[in-house]
Protein backbone atom coordinates (compact mmCIF):
# COMPACT_ATOMS: atom_id res chain seq x y z
CA MET A 1 55.49 -26.84 5.47
CA ALA A 2 56.21 -23.50 3.51
CA ALA A 3 53.31 -24.17 1.88
CA ARG A 4 50.93 -24.53 5.15
CA ARG A 5 52.47 -21.96 6.48
CA ASP A 6 51.28 -19.54 3.59
CA THR A 7 47.60 -21.22 3.80
CA ARG A 8 47.05 -20.57 7.37
CA ASN A 9 48.98 -17.05 6.92
CA ARG A 10 46.06 -16.13 4.10
CA ARG A 11 43.49 -17.68 6.13
CA LYS A 12 44.33 -15.69 9.26
CA HIS A 13 44.89 -13.03 6.72
CA ARG A 14 40.83 -13.43 5.11
CA ALA A 15 39.71 -13.28 8.62
CA TYR A 16 41.01 -10.10 9.68
CA LEU A 17 40.44 -8.43 6.29
CA LEU A 18 36.26 -10.20 7.52
CA VAL A 19 36.58 -9.20 11.26
CA ASN A 20 37.76 -5.32 10.13
CA PHE A 21 34.90 -5.32 7.75
CA HIS A 22 32.27 -6.07 10.28
CA VAL A 23 33.93 -3.19 12.31
CA SER A 24 33.59 -0.79 10.12
CA LEU A 25 30.19 -1.61 8.89
CA SER A 26 28.95 -1.51 12.37
CA LYS A 27 30.99 1.62 12.98
CA GLY A 28 29.49 3.39 9.52
CA ASN A 29 25.83 1.89 10.54
CA HIS A 30 26.63 3.64 14.23
CA VAL A 31 27.66 6.51 12.58
CA SER A 32 24.95 7.16 9.86
CA GLY A 33 22.21 6.16 13.04
CA GLN A 34 23.65 9.04 14.82
CA PHE A 35 23.46 11.36 11.86
CA ARG A 36 19.72 10.61 11.16
CA LYS A 37 19.00 10.88 15.08
CA SER A 38 20.50 14.12 15.13
CA LEU A 39 18.86 14.94 11.81
CA ALA A 40 15.67 14.29 13.44
CA LEU A 41 15.72 15.83 16.71
CA GLY A 42 16.93 19.14 14.74
CA VAL A 43 14.09 19.09 12.43
CA ASN A 44 12.30 18.74 15.70
CA GLN A 45 12.92 21.69 17.41
CA ARG A 46 11.24 23.35 14.87
CA PHE A 47 8.19 21.34 13.72
CA PHE A 48 7.36 17.91 15.21
CA TYR A 49 9.40 15.12 12.69
CA GLY A 50 6.11 12.68 12.17
CA TRP A 51 4.81 15.01 9.71
CA VAL A 52 8.22 14.38 7.91
CA MET A 53 7.26 10.78 8.22
CA VAL A 54 4.17 11.27 6.76
CA VAL A 55 5.87 12.68 3.81
CA VAL A 56 8.15 9.88 3.19
CA ALA A 57 4.98 7.25 3.52
CA MET A 58 3.23 9.34 1.06
CA ALA A 59 6.36 9.34 -1.30
CA GLY A 60 6.11 5.24 -0.45
CA TYR A 61 2.41 5.20 -1.51
CA PHE A 62 3.55 7.21 -4.90
CA ALA A 63 7.05 4.91 -5.61
CA SER A 64 4.73 1.40 -5.55
CA GLY A 65 3.04 2.64 -8.40
CA PRO A 66 5.27 0.40 -10.92
CA GLY A 67 3.58 -2.69 -8.78
CA GLN A 68 -0.46 -1.15 -8.69
CA SER A 69 -2.86 -1.93 -11.56
CA HIS A 70 -3.03 1.63 -12.96
CA ILE A 71 0.56 1.15 -14.34
CA PHE A 72 -0.08 -1.98 -16.07
CA SER A 73 -2.91 -1.45 -17.68
CA VAL A 74 -0.69 1.03 -19.69
CA PHE A 75 1.56 -2.21 -20.87
CA ILE A 76 -1.54 -4.62 -21.58
CA LEU A 77 -1.42 -4.08 -25.39
CA PRO A 78 2.44 -3.96 -25.70
CA LEU A 79 2.95 -7.34 -23.39
CA SER A 80 0.31 -8.81 -25.92
CA ASN A 81 1.63 -7.80 -29.29
CA ASP A 82 5.75 -8.54 -28.00
CA LEU A 83 4.97 -11.41 -26.43
CA GLY A 84 2.25 -13.36 -28.36
CA LEU A 85 -0.38 -13.29 -25.08
CA ASP A 86 -3.93 -12.47 -25.40
CA GLN A 87 -5.11 -10.48 -22.89
CA THR A 88 -7.22 -13.42 -20.64
CA GLU A 89 -3.70 -15.35 -20.52
CA ILE A 90 -2.03 -11.74 -18.92
CA SER A 91 -5.26 -11.12 -17.19
CA LEU A 92 -4.76 -14.91 -15.21
CA ALA A 93 -1.11 -14.19 -15.14
CA TYR A 94 -1.87 -10.87 -12.93
CA ALA A 95 -4.40 -12.80 -11.09
CA LEU A 96 -2.27 -15.58 -9.51
CA ALA A 97 0.34 -13.67 -9.31
CA THR A 98 -1.36 -11.28 -7.08
CA LEU A 99 -2.50 -14.05 -5.17
CA ALA A 100 0.51 -15.52 -4.72
CA ALA A 101 2.23 -12.28 -3.52
CA ALA A 102 -0.47 -12.03 -0.67
CA PHE A 103 0.47 -14.99 1.43
CA GLY A 104 4.21 -13.11 1.98
CA LEU A 105 2.81 -10.19 3.61
CA PRO A 106 1.85 -11.49 6.71
CA TYR A 107 6.09 -12.15 7.11
CA VAL A 108 6.96 -9.15 6.05
CA GLY A 109 5.19 -7.20 8.64
CA ARG A 110 7.04 -9.47 11.34
CA MET A 111 10.00 -8.53 9.71
CA ILE A 112 9.10 -4.90 10.54
CA ASP A 113 8.06 -5.34 14.08
CA ARG A 114 11.00 -6.88 14.62
CA TYR A 115 13.70 -5.18 12.49
CA GLY A 116 12.00 -1.96 12.01
CA MET A 117 10.31 -0.13 8.61
CA ARG A 118 13.93 1.51 7.66
CA ARG A 119 16.01 -1.65 7.26
CA ILE A 120 13.16 -3.64 5.32
CA VAL A 121 12.03 -1.00 3.16
CA PHE A 122 15.60 -0.51 2.10
CA ILE A 123 15.90 -3.74 0.95
CA ALA A 124 12.59 -4.08 -0.31
CA THR A 125 12.79 -0.71 -2.73
CA SER A 126 15.96 -1.80 -3.73
CA LEU A 127 14.62 -5.09 -5.00
CA PHE A 128 11.87 -3.34 -6.06
CA GLY A 129 13.92 -1.38 -8.75
CA LEU A 130 15.79 -4.57 -9.94
CA ALA A 131 12.62 -6.44 -10.41
CA ALA A 132 11.06 -3.67 -12.38
CA ILE A 133 14.29 -3.78 -14.68
CA ALA A 134 13.83 -7.09 -14.98
CA PHE A 135 10.45 -7.21 -16.34
CA GLY A 136 11.79 -5.40 -19.53
CA GLN A 137 13.44 -8.56 -20.36
CA VAL A 138 10.18 -10.81 -19.62
CA GLN A 139 10.35 -13.38 -22.55
CA GLY A 140 7.41 -15.64 -21.79
CA LEU A 141 4.53 -16.74 -19.80
CA ILE A 142 5.89 -18.27 -16.72
CA MET A 143 8.83 -15.05 -16.73
CA LEU A 144 5.61 -12.69 -16.86
CA CYS A 145 3.45 -14.54 -14.21
CA LEU A 146 6.75 -14.55 -11.62
CA LEU A 147 7.77 -10.85 -12.55
CA PHE A 148 3.83 -9.64 -11.74
CA GLY A 149 4.45 -11.80 -8.25
CA ALA A 150 7.50 -9.66 -7.56
CA LEU A 151 6.05 -6.35 -8.13
CA ARG A 152 2.98 -6.81 -6.47
CA PHE A 153 4.38 -8.26 -3.48
CA LEU A 154 7.34 -5.80 -3.32
CA GLY A 155 5.61 -2.00 -4.67
CA GLN A 156 1.90 -2.77 -3.90
CA GLY A 157 2.47 -5.15 -0.76
CA THR A 158 4.89 -3.72 1.12
CA LEU A 159 5.65 -0.23 0.24
CA MET A 160 2.34 0.32 1.42
CA LEU A 161 2.09 -1.46 4.26
CA SER A 162 5.20 -0.23 5.51
CA SER A 163 4.38 3.23 4.50
CA ALA A 164 1.15 2.81 6.49
CA ASN A 165 2.79 1.29 9.75
CA LEU A 166 5.10 4.27 9.58
CA VAL A 167 2.17 6.65 9.97
CA ALA A 168 0.61 4.36 12.27
CA GLN A 169 3.43 4.28 14.84
CA TRP A 170 3.99 8.08 14.64
CA PHE A 171 0.33 9.24 15.02
CA ASN A 172 -2.71 8.71 17.63
CA ALA A 173 -4.52 11.35 18.04
CA LYS A 174 -3.79 13.16 14.48
CA ARG A 175 -3.29 9.99 13.33
CA GLY A 176 -6.59 10.22 10.88
CA PHE A 177 -5.52 13.26 9.03
CA ALA A 178 -1.94 11.80 8.84
CA ALA A 179 -3.06 8.93 7.11
CA SER A 180 -5.17 10.61 4.43
CA LEU A 181 -2.63 12.97 3.93
CA MET A 182 -0.23 9.97 3.02
CA ALA A 183 -2.73 8.46 1.18
CA LEU A 184 -2.32 11.46 -1.25
CA GLY A 185 0.78 10.15 -2.98
CA PHE A 186 -1.19 7.06 -4.02
CA SER A 187 -3.84 9.35 -5.95
CA ALA A 188 -0.20 11.32 -7.02
CA SER A 189 0.74 7.77 -9.13
CA VAL A 190 -2.68 7.23 -10.11
CA ALA A 191 -2.36 10.96 -11.85
CA LEU A 192 1.34 10.96 -12.84
CA HIS A 193 2.48 7.18 -13.50
CA PRO A 194 0.23 5.84 -16.08
CA PRO A 195 0.87 9.05 -18.54
CA LEU A 196 4.67 8.78 -17.32
CA ALA A 197 4.50 5.57 -18.75
CA GLN A 198 2.82 5.87 -21.45
CA TRP A 199 5.09 9.22 -22.42
CA LEU A 200 8.18 6.44 -21.69
CA ILE A 201 6.81 4.23 -24.13
CA ASP A 202 6.63 6.22 -26.94
CA GLN A 203 10.31 7.48 -26.27
CA VAL A 204 11.95 4.14 -25.58
CA GLY A 205 9.89 1.54 -25.91
CA TRP A 206 7.99 -0.44 -23.32
CA ARG A 207 10.98 -2.55 -22.25
CA ASP A 208 13.23 0.49 -21.90
CA ALA A 209 10.72 2.14 -20.08
CA TRP A 210 10.33 -0.35 -17.08
CA LEU A 211 13.98 0.56 -16.94
CA TRP A 212 13.30 3.58 -16.49
CA LEU A 213 11.16 3.30 -14.40
CA GLY A 214 13.31 1.08 -11.76
CA ILE A 215 16.04 3.69 -11.61
CA MET A 216 13.27 6.65 -10.73
CA THR A 217 12.00 4.49 -8.40
CA TRP A 218 15.48 3.75 -6.41
CA VAL A 219 16.63 7.87 -6.64
CA LEU A 220 13.10 8.87 -5.57
CA TYR A 221 12.29 6.63 -2.36
CA LEU A 222 16.04 5.05 -1.12
CA PRO A 223 17.49 8.36 -0.34
CA LEU A 224 14.51 9.31 1.56
CA VAL A 225 14.64 6.14 3.69
CA PHE A 226 18.09 6.00 4.29
CA PHE A 227 18.70 8.85 5.77
CA LEU A 228 15.21 10.69 7.05
CA VAL A 229 12.94 7.28 8.53
CA GLN A 230 13.35 6.81 12.34
CA ASN A 231 10.98 3.64 12.89
CA LYS A 232 9.44 5.17 16.00
CA PRO A 233 9.14 8.32 17.99
CA GLU A 234 10.09 6.56 21.04
CA ASP A 235 13.27 5.77 19.25
CA ILE A 236 14.56 9.06 19.14
CA GLY A 237 13.04 10.59 22.93
CA LEU A 238 9.55 11.44 21.35
CA LEU A 239 6.04 10.26 21.90
CA PRO A 240 3.27 10.22 18.87
CA ASP A 241 1.79 13.26 17.93
CA GLY A 242 4.82 15.34 19.45
CA ASP A 243 3.34 15.16 22.97
CA ASP A 244 5.26 16.31 25.78
CA ILE A 245 7.48 13.80 28.07
CA ALA A 246 7.36 13.52 30.98
CA THR A 247 9.30 10.55 31.80
CA ARG A 248 11.01 7.28 30.09
CA SER A 249 8.40 4.93 31.73
CA ASN A 250 6.20 7.17 29.33
CA ILE A 251 7.91 6.68 26.38
CA SER A 252 7.85 2.96 27.07
CA ASN A 253 4.42 2.50 27.81
CA ALA A 254 3.42 3.98 24.54
CA ALA A 255 4.90 1.66 21.94
CA ASP A 256 3.84 -1.16 24.22
CA ILE A 257 0.33 -1.26 23.99
CA GLY A 258 -1.35 -3.83 21.36
CA LEU A 259 -2.31 -7.15 20.71
CA THR A 260 -0.45 -10.07 19.31
CA SER A 261 -1.51 -10.96 15.92
CA THR A 262 -2.08 -14.26 17.68
CA ASP A 263 -4.61 -12.50 19.88
CA ALA A 264 -5.90 -10.47 17.66
CA LEU A 265 -6.90 -13.24 14.94
CA ARG A 266 -8.99 -14.91 17.50
CA THR A 267 -10.99 -11.20 17.78
CA PRO A 268 -14.52 -10.95 15.79
CA ALA A 269 -13.01 -6.99 15.53
CA PHE A 270 -10.32 -8.26 13.20
CA TRP A 271 -11.97 -10.50 10.84
CA ILE A 272 -14.89 -7.83 10.46
CA THR A 273 -12.20 -5.46 9.33
CA ALA A 274 -10.16 -7.34 7.45
CA ILE A 275 -13.49 -8.64 5.88
CA SER A 276 -14.84 -5.32 5.39
CA LEU A 277 -11.41 -3.82 3.77
CA ALA A 278 -11.16 -7.08 2.01
CA SER A 279 -14.74 -5.95 0.07
CA PHE A 280 -13.28 -2.50 -0.12
CA SER A 281 -10.36 -3.83 -2.14
CA MET A 282 -12.33 -6.40 -4.18
CA LEU A 283 -15.60 -4.53 -5.30
CA VAL A 284 -12.62 -0.93 -6.05
CA THR A 285 -10.38 -3.24 -7.92
CA ALA A 286 -13.81 -4.77 -10.17
CA LEU A 287 -14.92 -0.96 -10.91
CA PHE A 288 -10.68 -0.12 -11.92
CA PHE A 289 -10.69 -2.89 -13.72
CA TYR A 290 -13.82 -2.82 -15.49
CA GLN A 291 -14.79 1.00 -15.61
CA VAL A 292 -14.20 1.38 -19.81
CA SER A 293 -16.19 -1.53 -20.39
CA ILE A 294 -18.78 -1.20 -18.63
CA PHE A 295 -19.39 1.94 -19.39
CA ARG A 296 -19.67 1.50 -23.17
CA THR A 297 -22.00 -1.32 -22.83
CA GLN A 298 -24.45 1.54 -21.30
CA GLY A 299 -24.01 3.67 -24.26
CA LEU A 300 -21.03 6.48 -23.43
CA SER A 301 -17.76 6.36 -25.46
CA GLU A 302 -14.21 5.16 -24.40
CA GLN A 303 -13.40 9.02 -24.45
CA ILE A 304 -15.77 10.44 -22.14
CA ALA A 305 -14.97 6.93 -19.84
CA ALA A 306 -11.16 8.04 -19.74
CA ARG A 307 -11.58 11.56 -18.81
CA ILE A 308 -13.75 10.36 -15.65
CA PHE A 309 -10.53 9.27 -13.94
CA PRO A 310 -9.40 12.65 -13.21
CA ILE A 311 -12.35 13.33 -11.57
CA SER A 312 -12.21 10.86 -9.22
CA ALA A 313 -8.93 11.17 -8.85
CA VAL A 314 -9.43 14.99 -7.90
CA THR A 315 -12.30 14.14 -5.52
CA MET A 316 -10.01 12.04 -3.95
CA VAL A 317 -7.70 14.29 -3.23
CA CYS A 318 -10.12 16.98 -1.54
CA CYS A 319 -12.00 14.39 0.48
CA MET A 320 -9.05 12.42 1.84
CA PRO A 321 -7.80 15.34 4.53
CA ILE A 322 -11.69 16.18 5.49
CA PHE A 323 -12.25 12.09 6.34
CA GLY A 324 -9.22 12.01 8.05
CA ARG A 325 -9.98 15.49 10.41
CA MET A 326 -13.27 13.83 10.81
CA LEU A 327 -11.59 10.27 11.94
CA ASP A 328 -9.63 11.90 14.55
CA ARG A 329 -12.51 13.74 16.32
CA PHE A 330 -15.43 11.67 15.80
CA PRO A 331 -15.85 7.74 16.67
CA THR A 332 -14.47 5.50 14.46
CA LYS A 333 -17.42 2.47 14.08
CA PRO A 334 -19.79 4.67 12.49
CA LEU A 335 -17.55 7.04 10.26
CA PHE A 336 -16.12 3.48 9.12
CA ALA A 337 -19.74 2.20 8.24
CA SER A 338 -20.13 5.09 6.28
CA GLY A 339 -17.32 4.81 4.63
CA VAL A 340 -18.25 0.85 3.73
CA LEU A 341 -21.79 2.26 2.44
CA LEU A 342 -20.12 4.92 -0.26
CA MET A 343 -18.93 1.31 -2.16
CA THR A 344 -22.41 0.77 -2.26
CA ALA A 345 -23.68 3.82 -3.67
CA SER A 346 -20.27 3.93 -6.10
CA MET A 347 -22.47 0.83 -7.41
CA ILE A 348 -25.77 1.98 -7.51
CA ALA A 349 -24.49 5.20 -9.28
CA LEU A 350 -22.61 3.43 -11.56
CA THR A 351 -25.56 1.31 -13.13
CA LEU A 352 -27.69 4.52 -13.15
CA VAL A 353 -24.82 6.27 -15.56
CA HIS A 354 -26.06 7.01 -19.15
CA ASP A 355 -24.39 10.33 -20.07
CA LEU A 356 -21.81 12.66 -19.53
CA SER A 357 -23.61 14.26 -16.55
CA THR A 358 -24.85 11.29 -14.53
CA ALA A 359 -21.03 9.69 -15.31
CA ILE A 360 -19.95 12.86 -13.38
CA ILE A 361 -21.86 12.03 -10.65
CA TYR A 362 -20.51 8.26 -10.62
CA ALA A 363 -17.34 9.75 -10.42
CA VAL A 364 -17.11 11.54 -7.69
CA ILE A 365 -19.09 9.39 -5.29
CA PHE A 366 -16.01 7.33 -6.47
CA GLY A 367 -14.03 9.46 -5.67
CA MET A 368 -14.95 10.16 -1.64
CA ASN A 369 -15.63 5.96 -1.99
CA ASN A 370 -11.76 5.73 -2.36
CA ALA A 371 -10.70 8.65 -0.40
CA ALA A 372 -12.42 6.81 2.16
CA VAL A 373 -10.93 3.37 1.57
CA HIS A 374 -7.11 5.06 2.12
CA ALA A 375 -7.69 6.87 5.22
CA LEU A 376 -9.31 3.98 7.03
CA LEU A 377 -6.77 1.77 5.70
CA GLY A 378 -3.36 3.65 7.83
CA TYR A 379 -6.76 4.26 10.78
CA VAL A 380 -8.34 1.51 11.92
CA TRP A 381 -5.86 -0.90 12.86
CA PRO A 382 -3.63 0.55 14.99
CA ARG A 383 -7.16 2.16 16.52
CA PHE A 384 -8.78 -1.15 17.13
CA PHE A 385 -5.33 -3.77 18.02
CA GLY A 386 -2.76 -0.98 18.88
CA ARG A 387 1.30 -0.39 17.99
CA LYS A 388 3.19 -3.26 19.40
CA HIS A 389 2.73 -5.79 17.29
CA LEU A 390 1.36 -3.56 14.21
CA GLY A 391 3.06 -4.64 11.21
CA SER A 392 2.29 -8.42 11.74
CA ILE A 393 -1.46 -7.81 12.48
CA GLN A 394 -1.16 -5.08 8.93
CA GLY A 395 1.03 -7.84 7.12
CA THR A 396 -1.99 -10.87 8.06
CA ALA A 397 -4.64 -8.19 7.30
CA THR A 398 -3.17 -7.12 3.97
CA THR A 399 -3.14 -10.55 2.77
CA ILE A 400 -6.57 -10.90 2.90
CA MET A 401 -7.36 -7.81 1.15
CA VAL A 402 -4.97 -8.32 -1.66
CA VAL A 403 -7.02 -12.04 -1.95
CA GLY A 404 -10.17 -9.93 -1.98
CA ALA A 405 -8.11 -8.02 -5.02
CA SER A 406 -7.09 -10.90 -6.85
CA ILE A 407 -10.58 -12.37 -7.12
CA GLY A 408 -12.56 -9.05 -7.43
CA PRO A 409 -12.90 -8.94 -11.46
CA LEU A 410 -14.17 -12.79 -11.50
CA PRO A 411 -17.68 -11.78 -10.42
CA PHE A 412 -18.18 -9.65 -13.00
CA GLY A 413 -16.52 -11.16 -15.69
CA ALA A 414 -18.94 -13.98 -15.38
CA ALA A 415 -21.92 -12.11 -15.30
CA TYR A 416 -20.32 -10.30 -18.54
CA ASP A 417 -20.68 -13.39 -19.92
CA MET A 418 -23.49 -14.91 -19.17
CA THR A 419 -25.91 -12.16 -19.97
CA GLY A 420 -24.12 -9.36 -21.79
CA SER A 421 -24.02 -6.83 -18.66
CA TYR A 422 -22.44 -6.12 -15.74
CA ARG A 423 -26.04 -4.94 -14.44
CA ILE A 424 -26.43 -7.94 -11.95
CA ALA A 425 -22.82 -8.24 -10.44
CA LEU A 426 -22.86 -3.84 -9.53
CA LEU A 427 -26.65 -4.84 -7.92
CA THR A 428 -25.86 -8.37 -5.92
CA LEU A 429 -22.73 -7.08 -4.72
CA ALA A 430 -23.99 -3.72 -3.78
CA LEU A 431 -25.03 -5.96 -1.21
CA LEU A 432 -21.60 -6.78 0.58
CA PRO A 433 -20.53 -3.50 1.90
CA VAL A 434 -24.08 -3.20 3.44
CA VAL A 435 -23.79 -6.31 5.52
CA CYS A 436 -19.69 -5.12 6.59
CA ALA A 437 -21.29 -2.43 7.58
CA ILE A 438 -23.89 -3.44 9.90
CA ALA A 439 -21.44 -5.93 11.15
CA VAL A 440 -19.32 -3.08 11.91
CA LEU A 441 -21.89 -0.67 13.78
CA PHE A 442 -22.18 -3.92 16.00
CA MET A 443 -18.26 -4.84 16.52
CA ARG A 444 -16.96 -4.83 20.18
CA PRO A 445 -12.88 -3.46 19.79
CA PRO A 446 -10.57 -5.16 21.90
CA ASP A 447 -9.82 -3.69 25.32
CA LEU A 448 -6.36 -2.67 24.98
CA SER A 449 -6.08 -1.13 28.52
CA ARG A 450 -5.30 -5.04 29.35
CA THR A 451 -2.13 -5.11 27.21
CA ALA A 452 -0.70 -2.02 28.76
């Protein structure tokens, strides 16, 4: 009997501790939520708090760097030498992992709609740091493929998707300019993460380099997400763009307009927009992947090819705010079509590269092209489909884009294997953005007034 009483008492004690833990956790969440709200409203008295969200989104784009193509390029040779894998095996693992990671993004979008950006991204960033640390322990091809997938899904997928969603929720009339500022985080990652990774490799080796990349991601982004993020302006009694509030009903209406993901998928506008942006993703990935090789086949040295990247990055930084302002001031469809056509211009310019001056011209056009890409990514989805179910719509669209990125290099590699040149692939695929631009101009966006 005494043993049974002791067992019951222990169970009651564990239940008591568990209940008190949940109560304490709820109180802690409430207190931290009140602190975040007070902080946001205090800042909003000086300037619109949405600009703080732009900084957070910019940091999210930058923090996604360890999951982006430009940082993996630094690790290809150390991976090949250490694991005994040839570059074809590494590239195939990367492509398959990218493709597999894409299909989890619609689920992430639905979770953002349901639970909000802050909770989902805090978890995703924590796991992203762990995945980066684990990448330094990779031992074989299967583990390499799995960790490639984790980094692509959590970094290139989840962090960029959630950042774009955050800016779209906080801005309407100024959304283009805000999205262009957000994308500066990606430019900073392109400029800083590869040399940082190379420096870490030189100092501590490629495996420990991933340990420090994971820790730095946590230190940079987790505090910003936890202390600063408010999912929507309506959550703290504000409106997008910092507009004045007349009644509480105005606030709720501002966030309740938008198609469901199912309804969006039934519209031609969704597929035209998604395929146009996927063509961007496909071709930009291919040009980044093969740029050095293309330059070499056209008579330029690898040193010149490497110096072209900063020119494109600087051009991108300079042009993104301009393109964002234009999106806010002028009709969307002509600017969308013009941005798509910059992809065609980049590919034609690349076929004409034969010396330093033509390489610089190409770099400037390609930088303008990337500026248009990243400004449009955060702008067109809320513009055409509303904010209510934005996460799930963007998640599905991002899946299509990542699929495009995964297959982008394949036709270029096939063309080179068959002809010894990339020219046929460049000129043939340059027609794809032209078709997309024409479709965009004739596209009929959904009538969002019916969803109010």
